[in-house]
Amino acid sequence: MIISAQQLSKRFNKEWVFRNFTQEFSTGETIAITGANGSGKSTLMQVLWGQTLQTSGTIQWTSEGKYIDPSELFSFISIAAPYQDLIGEFTLAEHLRFHFSYKKPVGGYSTDELIRLMYLEGAADKKVTDFSSGMRQRLRLGLALYSEAAVTFLDEPTTNLDTTGSAWYRKVLSETKNRLIFIATNTEEDYPAGSRIISLNDFKSI
């Protein structure tokens, strides 16, 4: 998978969030997107995965030399973000079965195995609306990292996680191979050594 961004810019009203962002990304890379709070890290991620339209510039996704139409991007990506909605009326087991009915689980894991891997044993029949904020974030991350996907976007991944949850996240991330991973964060522990670091502060010029 290759994602090519050329002169990508985004403006809200009269304010430019970022300008002239030109980068190329490929499978096997982990990209850490950094910058001050409010600098546009989440916005850039949303533009890259196709949720938000850029003001100018282009993005091209290609797989094995073939152009991917923007309407098909959903089948290639997985996403975890603190603002991402979960289905509160579902139990954990129901949520996993629903999600993995349209996304293949890595390694063909069963629902019970996924619950164990997420360290959420004992919560299989608990409604997601009754989860703590940390449990909900662990579920979001589990859905993204245990889904087969060519590209994974993680926005502020350790938000609401305690020390144990953060250690779990780093372990699962280290075991995630053969994909392109974007991580928006200002916390160095959120991305592995050797990640390519891109600061949005470098794309603020007029």
N, C-alpha and C. Protein backbone atom coordinates (compact mmCIF):
# COMPACT_ATOMS: atom_id res chain seq x y z
N MET A 1 0.83 -1.18 0.00
CA MET A 1 0.00 0.00 0.00
C MET A 1 0.88 1.25 0.00
N ILE A 2 0.57 2.20 -0.86
CA ILE A 2 1.26 3.49 -0.90
C ILE A 2 0.23 4.60 -0.84
N ILE A 3 0.45 5.55 0.04
CA ILE A 3 -0.39 6.75 0.11
C ILE A 3 0.50 7.93 -0.25
N SER A 4 0.10 8.68 -1.26
CA SER A 4 0.87 9.83 -1.72
C SER A 4 0.04 11.09 -1.53
N ALA A 5 0.54 12.03 -0.72
CA ALA A 5 -0.12 13.32 -0.50
C ALA A 5 0.71 14.40 -1.18
N GLN A 6 0.08 15.20 -2.02
CA GLN A 6 0.77 16.24 -2.76
C GLN A 6 0.14 17.60 -2.48
N GLN A 7 0.95 18.49 -1.88
CA GLN A 7 0.52 19.87 -1.61
C GLN A 7 -0.83 19.91 -0.88
N LEU A 8 -0.99 18.99 0.05
CA LEU A 8 -2.26 18.86 0.76
C LEU A 8 -2.42 20.02 1.75
N SER A 9 -3.58 20.67 1.70
CA SER A 9 -3.86 21.79 2.59
C SER A 9 -5.30 21.72 3.07
N LYS A 10 -5.52 22.20 4.30
CA LYS A 10 -6.87 22.22 4.87
C LYS A 10 -7.10 23.53 5.58
N ARG A 11 -8.25 24.15 5.28
CA ARG A 11 -8.61 25.42 5.90
C ARG A 11 -10.01 25.32 6.47
N PHE A 12 -10.19 25.85 7.69
CA PHE A 12 -11.51 26.04 8.27
C PHE A 12 -11.77 27.54 8.33
N ASN A 13 -12.81 27.99 7.61
CA ASN A 13 -13.07 29.42 7.46
C ASN A 13 -11.82 30.10 6.90
N LYS A 14 -11.21 31.03 7.63
CA LYS A 14 -10.03 31.72 7.12
C LYS A 14 -8.73 31.18 7.70
N GLU A 15 -8.83 30.16 8.54
CA GLU A 15 -7.64 29.65 9.21
C GLU A 15 -7.15 28.37 8.56
N TRP A 16 -5.87 28.38 8.18
CA TRP A 16 -5.25 27.19 7.61
C TRP A 16 -4.81 26.26 8.73
N VAL A 17 -5.26 25.03 8.68
CA VAL A 17 -4.86 24.03 9.68
C VAL A 17 -3.47 23.50 9.34
N PHE A 18 -3.26 23.18 8.08
CA PHE A 18 -1.93 22.82 7.57
C PHE A 18 -1.89 23.18 6.09
N ARG A 19 -0.68 23.37 5.59
CA ARG A 19 -0.52 23.78 4.19
C ARG A 19 0.63 23.04 3.55
N ASN A 20 0.43 22.72 2.27
CA ASN A 20 1.50 22.16 1.43
C ASN A 20 2.14 20.92 2.04
N PHE A 21 1.29 20.01 2.50
CA PHE A 21 1.75 18.76 3.09
C PHE A 21 2.02 17.78 1.95
N THR A 22 3.28 17.49 1.70
CA THR A 22 3.67 16.57 0.64
C THR A 22 4.50 15.46 1.24
N GLN A 23 3.96 14.25 1.24
CA GLN A 23 4.63 13.09 1.82
C GLN A 23 4.17 11.83 1.09
N GLU A 24 5.00 10.79 1.16
CA GLU A 24 4.60 9.47 0.66
C GLU A 24 4.83 8.44 1.75
N PHE A 25 3.86 7.55 1.91
CA PHE A 25 3.89 6.55 2.97
C PHE A 25 3.67 5.17 2.35
N SER A 26 4.28 4.14 2.95
CA SER A 26 4.13 2.80 2.38
C SER A 26 4.05 1.74 3.47
N THR A 27 3.56 0.58 3.08
CA THR A 27 3.40 -0.55 4.00
C THR A 27 4.69 -0.84 4.76
N GLY A 28 4.55 -1.10 6.06
CA GLY A 28 5.69 -1.41 6.90
C GLY A 28 6.16 -0.23 7.73
N GLU A 29 5.71 0.97 7.37
CA GLU A 29 6.10 2.16 8.12
C GLU A 29 5.14 2.42 9.28
N THR A 30 5.69 3.01 10.34
CA THR A 30 4.87 3.60 11.40
C THR A 30 5.16 5.09 11.40
N ILE A 31 4.11 5.88 11.25
CA ILE A 31 4.23 7.32 11.13
C ILE A 31 3.66 7.97 12.39
N ALA A 32 4.50 8.73 13.10
CA ALA A 32 4.04 9.48 14.26
C ALA A 32 3.77 10.91 13.84
N ILE A 33 2.52 11.34 13.95
CA ILE A 33 2.14 12.71 13.61
C ILE A 33 2.06 13.50 14.90
N THR A 34 2.94 14.49 15.05
CA THR A 34 3.04 15.25 16.28
C THR A 34 2.72 16.72 16.01
N GLY A 35 2.59 17.47 17.09
CA GLY A 35 2.29 18.90 16.99
C GLY A 35 1.56 19.36 18.23
N ALA A 36 1.52 20.65 18.42
CA ALA A 36 0.86 21.22 19.60
C ALA A 36 -0.62 20.83 19.63
N ASN A 37 -1.22 20.86 20.82
CA ASN A 37 -2.65 20.61 20.92
C ASN A 37 -3.40 21.60 20.04
N GLY A 38 -4.33 21.08 19.24
CA GLY A 38 -5.08 21.94 18.33
C GLY A 38 -4.36 22.25 17.03
N SER A 39 -3.24 21.57 16.80
CA SER A 39 -2.46 21.87 15.59
C SER A 39 -3.02 21.22 14.34
N GLY A 40 -3.96 20.28 14.51
CA GLY A 40 -4.58 19.67 13.34
C GLY A 40 -4.22 18.23 13.11
N LYS A 41 -3.66 17.57 14.12
CA LYS A 41 -3.26 16.16 13.94
C LYS A 41 -4.46 15.29 13.56
N SER A 42 -5.55 15.44 14.30
CA SER A 42 -6.75 14.63 14.01
C SER A 42 -7.32 14.98 12.65
N THR A 43 -7.31 16.26 12.31
CA THR A 43 -7.83 16.69 11.01
C THR A 43 -7.03 16.08 9.87
N LEU A 44 -5.71 16.09 9.99
CA LEU A 44 -4.88 15.48 8.94
C LEU A 44 -5.21 14.00 8.80
N MET A 45 -5.34 13.30 9.91
CA MET A 45 -5.68 11.88 9.84
C MET A 45 -7.01 11.68 9.11
N GLN A 46 -8.01 12.51 9.45
CA GLN A 46 -9.33 12.37 8.84
C GLN A 46 -9.29 12.67 7.35
N VAL A 47 -8.44 13.60 6.95
CA VAL A 47 -8.27 13.87 5.53
C VAL A 47 -7.61 12.68 4.84
N LEU A 48 -6.60 12.11 5.48
CA LEU A 48 -5.90 10.98 4.88
C LEU A 48 -6.81 9.77 4.71
N TRP A 49 -7.69 9.51 5.71
CA TRP A 49 -8.54 8.32 5.57
C TRP A 49 -9.86 8.62 4.84
N GLY A 50 -10.06 9.87 4.43
CA GLY A 50 -11.17 10.18 3.55
C GLY A 50 -12.44 10.65 4.22
N GLN A 51 -12.41 10.88 5.52
CA GLN A 51 -13.61 11.36 6.21
C GLN A 51 -13.84 12.84 5.98
N THR A 52 -12.75 13.61 5.87
CA THR A 52 -12.82 15.05 5.70
C THR A 52 -12.11 15.41 4.40
N LEU A 53 -12.72 16.29 3.61
CA LEU A 53 -12.12 16.69 2.34
C LEU A 53 -11.06 17.76 2.56
N GLN A 54 -9.98 17.66 1.82
CA GLN A 54 -8.96 18.70 1.85
C GLN A 54 -9.46 19.95 1.13
N THR A 55 -8.87 21.08 1.45
CA THR A 55 -9.20 22.32 0.75
C THR A 55 -8.50 22.37 -0.60
N SER A 56 -7.27 21.88 -0.63
CA SER A 56 -6.53 21.83 -1.89
C SER A 56 -5.49 20.70 -1.80
N GLY A 57 -4.91 20.37 -2.94
CA GLY A 57 -3.95 19.28 -2.98
C GLY A 57 -4.63 17.95 -3.30
N THR A 58 -3.84 16.91 -3.38
CA THR A 58 -4.36 15.60 -3.76
C THR A 58 -3.84 14.50 -2.84
N ILE A 59 -4.64 13.43 -2.74
CA ILE A 59 -4.23 12.20 -2.05
C ILE A 59 -4.49 11.05 -3.00
N GLN A 60 -3.52 10.18 -3.12
CA GLN A 60 -3.71 8.99 -3.96
C GLN A 60 -3.30 7.75 -3.19
N TRP A 61 -4.21 6.79 -3.15
CA TRP A 61 -3.94 5.48 -2.54
C TRP A 61 -3.75 4.47 -3.66
N THR A 62 -2.67 3.68 -3.58
CA THR A 62 -2.47 2.61 -4.55
C THR A 62 -2.07 1.33 -3.83
N SER A 63 -2.55 0.22 -4.36
CA SER A 63 -2.22 -1.10 -3.82
C SER A 63 -1.81 -1.99 -4.98
N GLU A 64 -0.60 -2.52 -4.90
CA GLU A 64 -0.06 -3.36 -5.96
C GLU A 64 -0.16 -2.67 -7.31
N GLY A 65 0.13 -1.36 -7.28
CA GLY A 65 0.14 -0.57 -8.51
C GLY A 65 -1.21 -0.13 -9.03
N LYS A 66 -2.28 -0.50 -8.30
CA LYS A 66 -3.63 -0.15 -8.76
C LYS A 66 -4.20 0.96 -7.89
N TYR A 67 -4.78 1.96 -8.54
CA TYR A 67 -5.40 3.09 -7.85
C TYR A 67 -6.64 2.63 -7.09
N ILE A 68 -6.79 3.10 -5.85
CA ILE A 68 -7.95 2.77 -5.04
C ILE A 68 -8.91 3.96 -5.04
N ASP A 69 -10.13 3.72 -5.44
CA ASP A 69 -11.14 4.78 -5.44
C ASP A 69 -11.47 5.16 -4.00
N PRO A 70 -11.62 6.46 -3.71
CA PRO A 70 -11.93 6.89 -2.35
C PRO A 70 -13.13 6.20 -1.72
N SER A 71 -14.11 5.81 -2.55
CA SER A 71 -15.30 5.15 -2.02
C SER A 71 -15.01 3.75 -1.50
N GLU A 72 -13.82 3.21 -1.82
CA GLU A 72 -13.45 1.86 -1.41
C GLU A 72 -12.46 1.85 -0.25
N LEU A 73 -12.06 3.01 0.24
CA LEU A 73 -11.02 3.07 1.27
C LEU A 73 -11.40 2.33 2.54
N PHE A 74 -12.71 2.35 2.88
CA PHE A 74 -13.16 1.76 4.14
C PHE A 74 -12.75 0.30 4.26
N SER A 75 -12.61 -0.39 3.15
CA SER A 75 -12.29 -1.82 3.19
C SER A 75 -10.80 -2.06 3.44
N PHE A 76 -9.99 -1.00 3.40
CA PHE A 76 -8.55 -1.15 3.58
C PHE A 76 -8.06 -0.62 4.93
N ILE A 77 -8.93 0.04 5.70
CA ILE A 77 -8.45 0.75 6.88
C ILE A 77 -9.11 0.26 8.17
N SER A 78 -8.44 0.55 9.29
CA SER A 78 -9.04 0.43 10.61
C SER A 78 -8.65 1.67 11.40
N ILE A 79 -9.53 2.08 12.32
CA ILE A 79 -9.37 3.37 13.01
C ILE A 79 -9.68 3.20 14.48
N ALA A 80 -8.89 3.87 15.33
CA ALA A 80 -9.22 3.99 16.75
C ALA A 80 -8.96 5.42 17.18
N ALA A 81 -9.97 6.04 17.80
CA ALA A 81 -9.86 7.42 18.28
C ALA A 81 -10.78 7.60 19.47
N PRO A 82 -10.39 8.43 20.45
CA PRO A 82 -11.21 8.61 21.65
C PRO A 82 -12.63 9.12 21.37
N TYR A 83 -12.80 9.84 20.25
CA TYR A 83 -14.11 10.39 19.89
C TYR A 83 -14.93 9.41 19.04
N GLN A 84 -14.38 8.24 18.77
CA GLN A 84 -15.06 7.24 17.94
C GLN A 84 -16.21 6.61 18.71
N ASP A 85 -17.38 6.61 18.11
CA ASP A 85 -18.56 6.05 18.76
C ASP A 85 -18.49 4.53 18.82
N LEU A 86 -18.96 3.98 19.93
CA LEU A 86 -19.19 2.55 20.07
C LEU A 86 -20.69 2.34 20.25
N ILE A 87 -21.14 1.13 20.06
CA ILE A 87 -22.58 0.84 20.18
C ILE A 87 -22.86 0.43 21.62
N GLY A 88 -23.31 1.39 22.40
CA GLY A 88 -23.46 1.18 23.84
C GLY A 88 -24.47 0.12 24.21
N GLU A 89 -25.48 -0.11 23.36
CA GLU A 89 -26.52 -1.08 23.68
C GLU A 89 -26.03 -2.51 23.51
N PHE A 90 -24.93 -2.70 22.79
CA PHE A 90 -24.38 -4.03 22.59
C PHE A 90 -23.56 -4.45 23.82
N THR A 91 -23.57 -5.74 24.10
CA THR A 91 -22.59 -6.28 25.03
C THR A 91 -21.24 -6.35 24.31
N LEU A 92 -20.19 -6.58 25.06
CA LEU A 92 -18.87 -6.72 24.45
C LEU A 92 -18.87 -7.82 23.40
N ALA A 93 -19.42 -8.97 23.73
CA ALA A 93 -19.44 -10.09 22.79
C ALA A 93 -20.23 -9.74 21.54
N GLU A 94 -21.37 -9.07 21.71
CA GLU A 94 -22.18 -8.66 20.56
C GLU A 94 -21.43 -7.66 19.70
N HIS A 95 -20.73 -6.72 20.33
CA HIS A 95 -20.00 -5.70 19.58
C HIS A 95 -18.89 -6.35 18.75
N LEU A 96 -18.18 -7.29 19.34
CA LEU A 96 -17.12 -7.97 18.60
C LEU A 96 -17.68 -8.79 17.44
N ARG A 97 -18.76 -9.51 17.68
CA ARG A 97 -19.35 -10.30 16.60
C ARG A 97 -19.84 -9.40 15.47
N PHE A 98 -20.44 -8.26 15.83
CA PHE A 98 -20.91 -7.32 14.81
C PHE A 98 -19.75 -6.77 14.00
N HIS A 99 -18.73 -6.28 14.70
CA HIS A 99 -17.59 -5.67 14.00
C HIS A 99 -16.91 -6.68 13.08
N PHE A 100 -16.65 -7.88 13.60
CA PHE A 100 -15.90 -8.85 12.82
C PHE A 100 -16.78 -9.65 11.85
N SER A 101 -18.03 -9.23 11.71
CA SER A 101 -18.85 -9.78 10.63
C SER A 101 -18.53 -9.07 9.31
N TYR A 102 -17.88 -7.89 9.38
CA TYR A 102 -17.50 -7.21 8.15
C TYR A 102 -16.01 -6.89 8.09
N LYS A 103 -15.28 -7.15 9.14
CA LYS A 103 -13.82 -7.06 9.13
C LYS A 103 -13.26 -8.41 9.59
N LYS A 104 -12.30 -8.95 8.86
CA LYS A 104 -11.71 -10.22 9.27
C LYS A 104 -10.79 -10.00 10.47
N PRO A 105 -10.87 -10.86 11.48
CA PRO A 105 -9.95 -10.74 12.60
C PRO A 105 -8.57 -11.28 12.24
N VAL A 106 -7.54 -10.61 12.72
CA VAL A 106 -6.18 -11.10 12.52
C VAL A 106 -6.06 -12.50 13.12
N GLY A 107 -5.48 -13.41 12.38
CA GLY A 107 -5.25 -14.76 12.89
C GLY A 107 -6.50 -15.60 13.02
N GLY A 108 -7.64 -15.08 12.56
CA GLY A 108 -8.88 -15.84 12.66
C GLY A 108 -9.36 -16.05 14.08
N TYR A 109 -9.01 -15.14 14.99
CA TYR A 109 -9.37 -15.29 16.39
C TYR A 109 -10.88 -15.35 16.58
N SER A 110 -11.32 -16.15 17.52
CA SER A 110 -12.73 -16.22 17.89
C SER A 110 -13.07 -15.07 18.83
N THR A 111 -14.36 -14.88 19.08
CA THR A 111 -14.80 -13.82 20.00
C THR A 111 -14.20 -14.03 21.39
N ASP A 112 -14.22 -15.25 21.88
CA ASP A 112 -13.65 -15.52 23.21
C ASP A 112 -12.16 -15.23 23.25
N GLU A 113 -11.46 -15.57 22.18
CA GLU A 113 -10.01 -15.31 22.13
C GLU A 113 -9.73 -13.81 22.09
N LEU A 114 -10.54 -13.07 21.35
CA LEU A 114 -10.35 -11.62 21.28
C LEU A 114 -10.58 -10.96 22.63
N ILE A 115 -11.60 -11.42 23.34
CA ILE A 115 -11.85 -10.87 24.68
C ILE A 115 -10.67 -11.12 25.59
N ARG A 116 -10.10 -12.31 25.50
CA ARG A 116 -8.92 -12.62 26.32
C ARG A 116 -7.73 -11.76 25.91
N LEU A 117 -7.52 -11.60 24.62
CA LEU A 117 -6.39 -10.82 24.14
C LEU A 117 -6.50 -9.35 24.54
N MET A 118 -7.73 -8.85 24.68
CA MET A 118 -7.95 -7.47 25.10
C MET A 118 -7.95 -7.31 26.61
N TYR A 119 -7.73 -8.42 27.33
CA TYR A 119 -7.77 -8.41 28.80
C TYR A 119 -9.11 -7.88 29.31
N LEU A 120 -10.18 -8.33 28.66
CA LEU A 120 -11.53 -7.91 29.05
C LEU A 120 -12.36 -9.11 29.51
N GLU A 121 -11.66 -10.13 30.03
CA GLU A 121 -12.37 -11.29 30.54
C GLU A 121 -13.35 -10.85 31.64
N GLY A 122 -14.51 -11.49 31.67
CA GLY A 122 -15.53 -11.15 32.66
C GLY A 122 -16.48 -10.07 32.20
N ALA A 123 -16.18 -9.44 31.03
CA ALA A 123 -17.03 -8.37 30.52
C ALA A 123 -17.80 -8.77 29.27
N ALA A 124 -17.76 -10.05 28.90
CA ALA A 124 -18.37 -10.49 27.64
C ALA A 124 -19.84 -10.12 27.55
N ASP A 125 -20.56 -10.23 28.68
CA ASP A 125 -22.00 -9.98 28.67
C ASP A 125 -22.36 -8.61 29.24
N LYS A 126 -21.37 -7.78 29.43
CA LYS A 126 -21.59 -6.44 29.96
C LYS A 126 -21.83 -5.47 28.81
N LYS A 127 -22.82 -4.59 28.95
CA LYS A 127 -23.09 -3.62 27.89
C LYS A 127 -21.97 -2.59 27.82
N VAL A 128 -21.63 -2.21 26.59
CA VAL A 128 -20.53 -1.28 26.38
C VAL A 128 -20.79 0.07 27.04
N THR A 129 -22.06 0.46 27.12
CA THR A 129 -22.39 1.74 27.77
C THR A 129 -21.99 1.74 29.24
N ASP A 130 -21.84 0.56 29.84
CA ASP A 130 -21.47 0.45 31.25
C ASP A 130 -19.96 0.28 31.45
N PHE A 131 -19.20 0.32 30.36
CA PHE A 131 -17.75 0.20 30.45
C PHE A 131 -17.16 1.49 31.03
N SER A 132 -16.02 1.35 31.69
CA SER A 132 -15.26 2.54 32.08
C SER A 132 -14.64 3.16 30.82
N SER A 133 -14.15 4.38 30.94
CA SER A 133 -13.54 5.04 29.78
C SER A 133 -12.32 4.26 29.29
N GLY A 134 -11.57 3.67 30.23
CA GLY A 134 -10.42 2.88 29.83
C GLY A 134 -10.80 1.61 29.09
N MET A 135 -11.87 0.95 29.54
CA MET A 135 -12.33 -0.26 28.85
C MET A 135 -12.81 0.07 27.44
N ARG A 136 -13.51 1.19 27.30
CA ARG A 136 -13.98 1.59 25.97
C ARG A 136 -12.80 1.87 25.04
N GLN A 137 -11.78 2.54 25.57
CA GLN A 137 -10.62 2.83 24.72
C GLN A 137 -9.88 1.55 24.36
N ARG A 138 -9.78 0.62 25.27
CA ARG A 138 -9.14 -0.66 24.96
C ARG A 138 -9.94 -1.40 23.88
N LEU A 139 -11.26 -1.33 23.93
CA LEU A 139 -12.08 -1.95 22.90
C LEU A 139 -11.84 -1.30 21.55
N ARG A 140 -11.80 0.04 21.52
CA ARG A 140 -11.53 0.73 20.25
C ARG A 140 -10.20 0.28 19.66
N LEU A 141 -9.18 0.26 20.49
CA LEU A 141 -7.85 -0.15 20.01
C LEU A 141 -7.85 -1.61 19.57
N GLY A 142 -8.53 -2.47 20.32
CA GLY A 142 -8.60 -3.87 19.94
C GLY A 142 -9.29 -4.07 18.61
N LEU A 143 -10.38 -3.35 18.39
CA LEU A 143 -11.09 -3.45 17.11
C LEU A 143 -10.19 -3.04 15.96
N ALA A 144 -9.38 -2.01 16.15
CA ALA A 144 -8.50 -1.52 15.08
C ALA A 144 -7.30 -2.44 14.86
N LEU A 145 -6.65 -2.84 15.94
CA LEU A 145 -5.40 -3.57 15.81
C LEU A 145 -5.60 -5.06 15.53
N TYR A 146 -6.75 -5.61 15.91
CA TYR A 146 -7.02 -7.01 15.64
C TYR A 146 -7.85 -7.22 14.38
N SER A 147 -8.10 -6.14 13.63
CA SER A 147 -8.74 -6.27 12.32
C SER A 147 -7.68 -6.36 11.25
N GLU A 148 -7.92 -7.22 10.26
CA GLU A 148 -7.03 -7.24 9.11
C GLU A 148 -7.23 -5.95 8.33
N ALA A 149 -6.16 -5.18 8.18
CA ALA A 149 -6.26 -3.89 7.49
C ALA A 149 -4.90 -3.55 6.90
N ALA A 150 -4.92 -2.89 5.76
CA ALA A 150 -3.66 -2.47 5.14
C ALA A 150 -3.11 -1.23 5.84
N VAL A 151 -4.02 -0.39 6.36
CA VAL A 151 -3.63 0.87 6.99
C VAL A 151 -4.43 1.05 8.27
N THR A 152 -3.75 1.40 9.36
CA THR A 152 -4.40 1.63 10.64
C THR A 152 -4.08 3.04 11.13
N PHE A 153 -5.13 3.74 11.56
CA PHE A 153 -4.99 5.09 12.09
C PHE A 153 -5.32 5.07 13.58
N LEU A 154 -4.40 5.54 14.41
CA LEU A 154 -4.58 5.59 15.86
C LEU A 154 -4.43 7.03 16.32
N ASP A 155 -5.51 7.60 16.81
CA ASP A 155 -5.51 9.00 17.25
C ASP A 155 -5.48 9.04 18.77
N GLU A 156 -4.39 9.60 19.34
CA GLU A 156 -4.21 9.68 20.79
C GLU A 156 -4.55 8.33 21.45
N PRO A 157 -3.81 7.28 21.10
CA PRO A 157 -4.21 5.92 21.48
C PRO A 157 -4.26 5.63 22.97
N THR A 158 -3.45 6.29 23.78
CA THR A 158 -3.43 5.95 25.21
C THR A 158 -4.33 6.86 26.05
N THR A 159 -5.17 7.66 25.39
CA THR A 159 -6.16 8.46 26.13
C THR A 159 -7.03 7.54 26.98
N ASN A 160 -7.16 7.87 28.26
CA ASN A 160 -7.99 7.14 29.24
C ASN A 160 -7.43 5.78 29.65
N LEU A 161 -6.25 5.41 29.17
CA LEU A 161 -5.66 4.14 29.57
C LEU A 161 -4.77 4.34 30.80
N ASP A 162 -4.85 3.39 31.74
CA ASP A 162 -3.95 3.41 32.88
C ASP A 162 -2.63 2.76 32.48
N THR A 163 -1.73 2.59 33.44
CA THR A 163 -0.41 2.04 33.14
C THR A 163 -0.52 0.65 32.52
N THR A 164 -1.40 -0.18 33.06
CA THR A 164 -1.58 -1.53 32.53
C THR A 164 -2.13 -1.49 31.11
N GLY A 165 -3.12 -0.63 30.89
CA GLY A 165 -3.71 -0.51 29.56
C GLY A 165 -2.71 0.01 28.54
N SER A 166 -1.89 0.97 28.94
CA SER A 166 -0.87 1.51 28.03
C SER A 166 0.16 0.45 27.67
N ALA A 167 0.56 -0.36 28.65
CA ALA A 167 1.51 -1.44 28.38
C ALA A 167 0.91 -2.46 27.43
N TRP A 168 -0.38 -2.78 27.62
CA TRP A 168 -1.08 -3.70 26.71
C TRP A 168 -1.08 -3.14 25.29
N TYR A 169 -1.39 -1.85 25.14
CA TYR A 169 -1.41 -1.22 23.82
C TYR A 169 -0.05 -1.33 23.14
N ARG A 170 1.02 -1.02 23.86
CA ARG A 170 2.35 -1.07 23.25
C ARG A 170 2.72 -2.50 22.85
N LYS A 171 2.30 -3.48 23.63
CA LYS A 171 2.57 -4.87 23.29
C LYS A 171 1.86 -5.27 22.01
N VAL A 172 0.57 -4.96 21.92
CA VAL A 172 -0.20 -5.32 20.72
C VAL A 172 0.35 -4.59 19.50
N LEU A 173 0.70 -3.32 19.68
CA LEU A 173 1.26 -2.55 18.56
C LEU A 173 2.56 -3.18 18.07
N SER A 174 3.40 -3.64 18.98
CA SER A 174 4.68 -4.24 18.58
C SER A 174 4.47 -5.55 17.81
N GLU A 175 3.33 -6.19 18.01
CA GLU A 175 3.04 -7.46 17.34
C GLU A 175 2.29 -7.26 16.01
N THR A 176 1.94 -6.02 15.71
CA THR A 176 1.18 -5.71 14.50
C THR A 176 2.15 -5.48 13.34
N LYS A 177 2.11 -6.34 12.36
CA LYS A 177 3.09 -6.31 11.26
C LYS A 177 2.39 -6.14 9.91
N ASN A 178 3.22 -5.82 8.93
CA ASN A 178 2.80 -5.81 7.52
C ASN A 178 1.63 -4.88 7.24
N ARG A 179 1.66 -3.73 7.88
CA ARG A 179 0.68 -2.71 7.54
C ARG A 179 1.31 -1.33 7.72
N LEU A 180 0.64 -0.33 7.24
CA LEU A 180 1.04 1.06 7.42
C LEU A 180 0.26 1.62 8.60
N ILE A 181 0.96 2.21 9.57
CA ILE A 181 0.31 2.67 10.80
C ILE A 181 0.59 4.16 11.00
N PHE A 182 -0.47 4.92 11.23
CA PHE A 182 -0.37 6.33 11.58
C PHE A 182 -0.78 6.50 13.04
N ILE A 183 0.02 7.25 13.79
CA ILE A 183 -0.29 7.50 15.20
C ILE A 183 -0.20 9.00 15.45
N ALA A 184 -1.30 9.62 15.81
CA ALA A 184 -1.32 11.05 16.15
C ALA A 184 -1.20 11.19 17.66
N THR A 185 -0.10 11.80 18.11
CA THR A 185 0.15 11.88 19.55
C THR A 185 1.31 12.82 19.83
N ASN A 186 1.36 13.31 21.05
CA ASN A 186 2.53 14.04 21.54
C ASN A 186 3.26 13.25 22.62
N THR A 187 2.85 12.00 22.82
CA THR A 187 3.45 11.14 23.84
C THR A 187 4.41 10.17 23.17
N GLU A 188 5.71 10.29 23.45
CA GLU A 188 6.70 9.48 22.76
C GLU A 188 6.48 7.99 22.96
N GLU A 189 5.94 7.61 24.14
CA GLU A 189 5.73 6.19 24.41
C GLU A 189 4.63 5.59 23.54
N ASP A 190 3.86 6.43 22.84
CA ASP A 190 2.76 5.92 22.02
C ASP A 190 3.23 5.33 20.70
N TYR A 191 4.45 5.64 20.28
CA TYR A 191 4.94 5.10 19.01
C TYR A 191 6.31 4.46 19.22
N PRO A 192 6.61 3.41 18.47
CA PRO A 192 7.85 2.66 18.69
C PRO A 192 9.08 3.40 18.18
N ALA A 193 10.22 3.03 18.72
CA ALA A 193 11.48 3.56 18.22
C ALA A 193 11.60 3.22 16.74
N GLY A 194 12.13 4.15 15.98
CA GLY A 194 12.27 3.93 14.55
C GLY A 194 11.10 4.46 13.74
N SER A 195 10.07 4.96 14.40
CA SER A 195 8.94 5.55 13.68
C SER A 195 9.39 6.80 12.92
N ARG A 196 8.75 7.07 11.80
CA ARG A 196 9.00 8.33 11.10
C ARG A 196 8.15 9.41 11.74
N ILE A 197 8.79 10.44 12.24
CA ILE A 197 8.08 11.50 12.97
C ILE A 197 7.84 12.68 12.05
N ILE A 198 6.59 13.10 11.96
CA ILE A 198 6.21 14.25 11.16
C ILE A 198 5.52 15.25 12.07
N SER A 199 6.10 16.44 12.17
CA SER A 199 5.52 17.50 13.00
C SER A 199 4.67 18.42 12.14
N LEU A 200 3.41 18.60 12.54
CA LEU A 200 2.56 19.51 11.78
C LEU A 200 3.02 20.95 11.91
N ASN A 201 3.86 21.24 12.88
CA ASN A 201 4.40 22.58 13.00
C ASN A 201 5.20 22.98 11.76
N ASP A 202 5.65 21.98 10.99
CA ASP A 202 6.42 22.24 9.79
C ASP A 202 5.53 22.55 8.58
N PHE A 203 4.23 22.49 8.77
CA PHE A 203 3.31 22.69 7.62
C PHE A 203 2.29 23.77 7.94
N LYS A 204 2.78 24.85 8.56
CA LYS A 204 1.91 25.97 8.95
C LYS A 204 2.20 27.23 8.16
N SER A 205 3.21 27.20 7.29
CA SER A 205 3.60 28.43 6.58
C SER A 205 2.55 28.81 5.57
N ILE A 206 2.51 30.09 5.29
CA ILE A 206 1.53 30.63 4.32
C ILE A 206 2.11 30.51 2.91
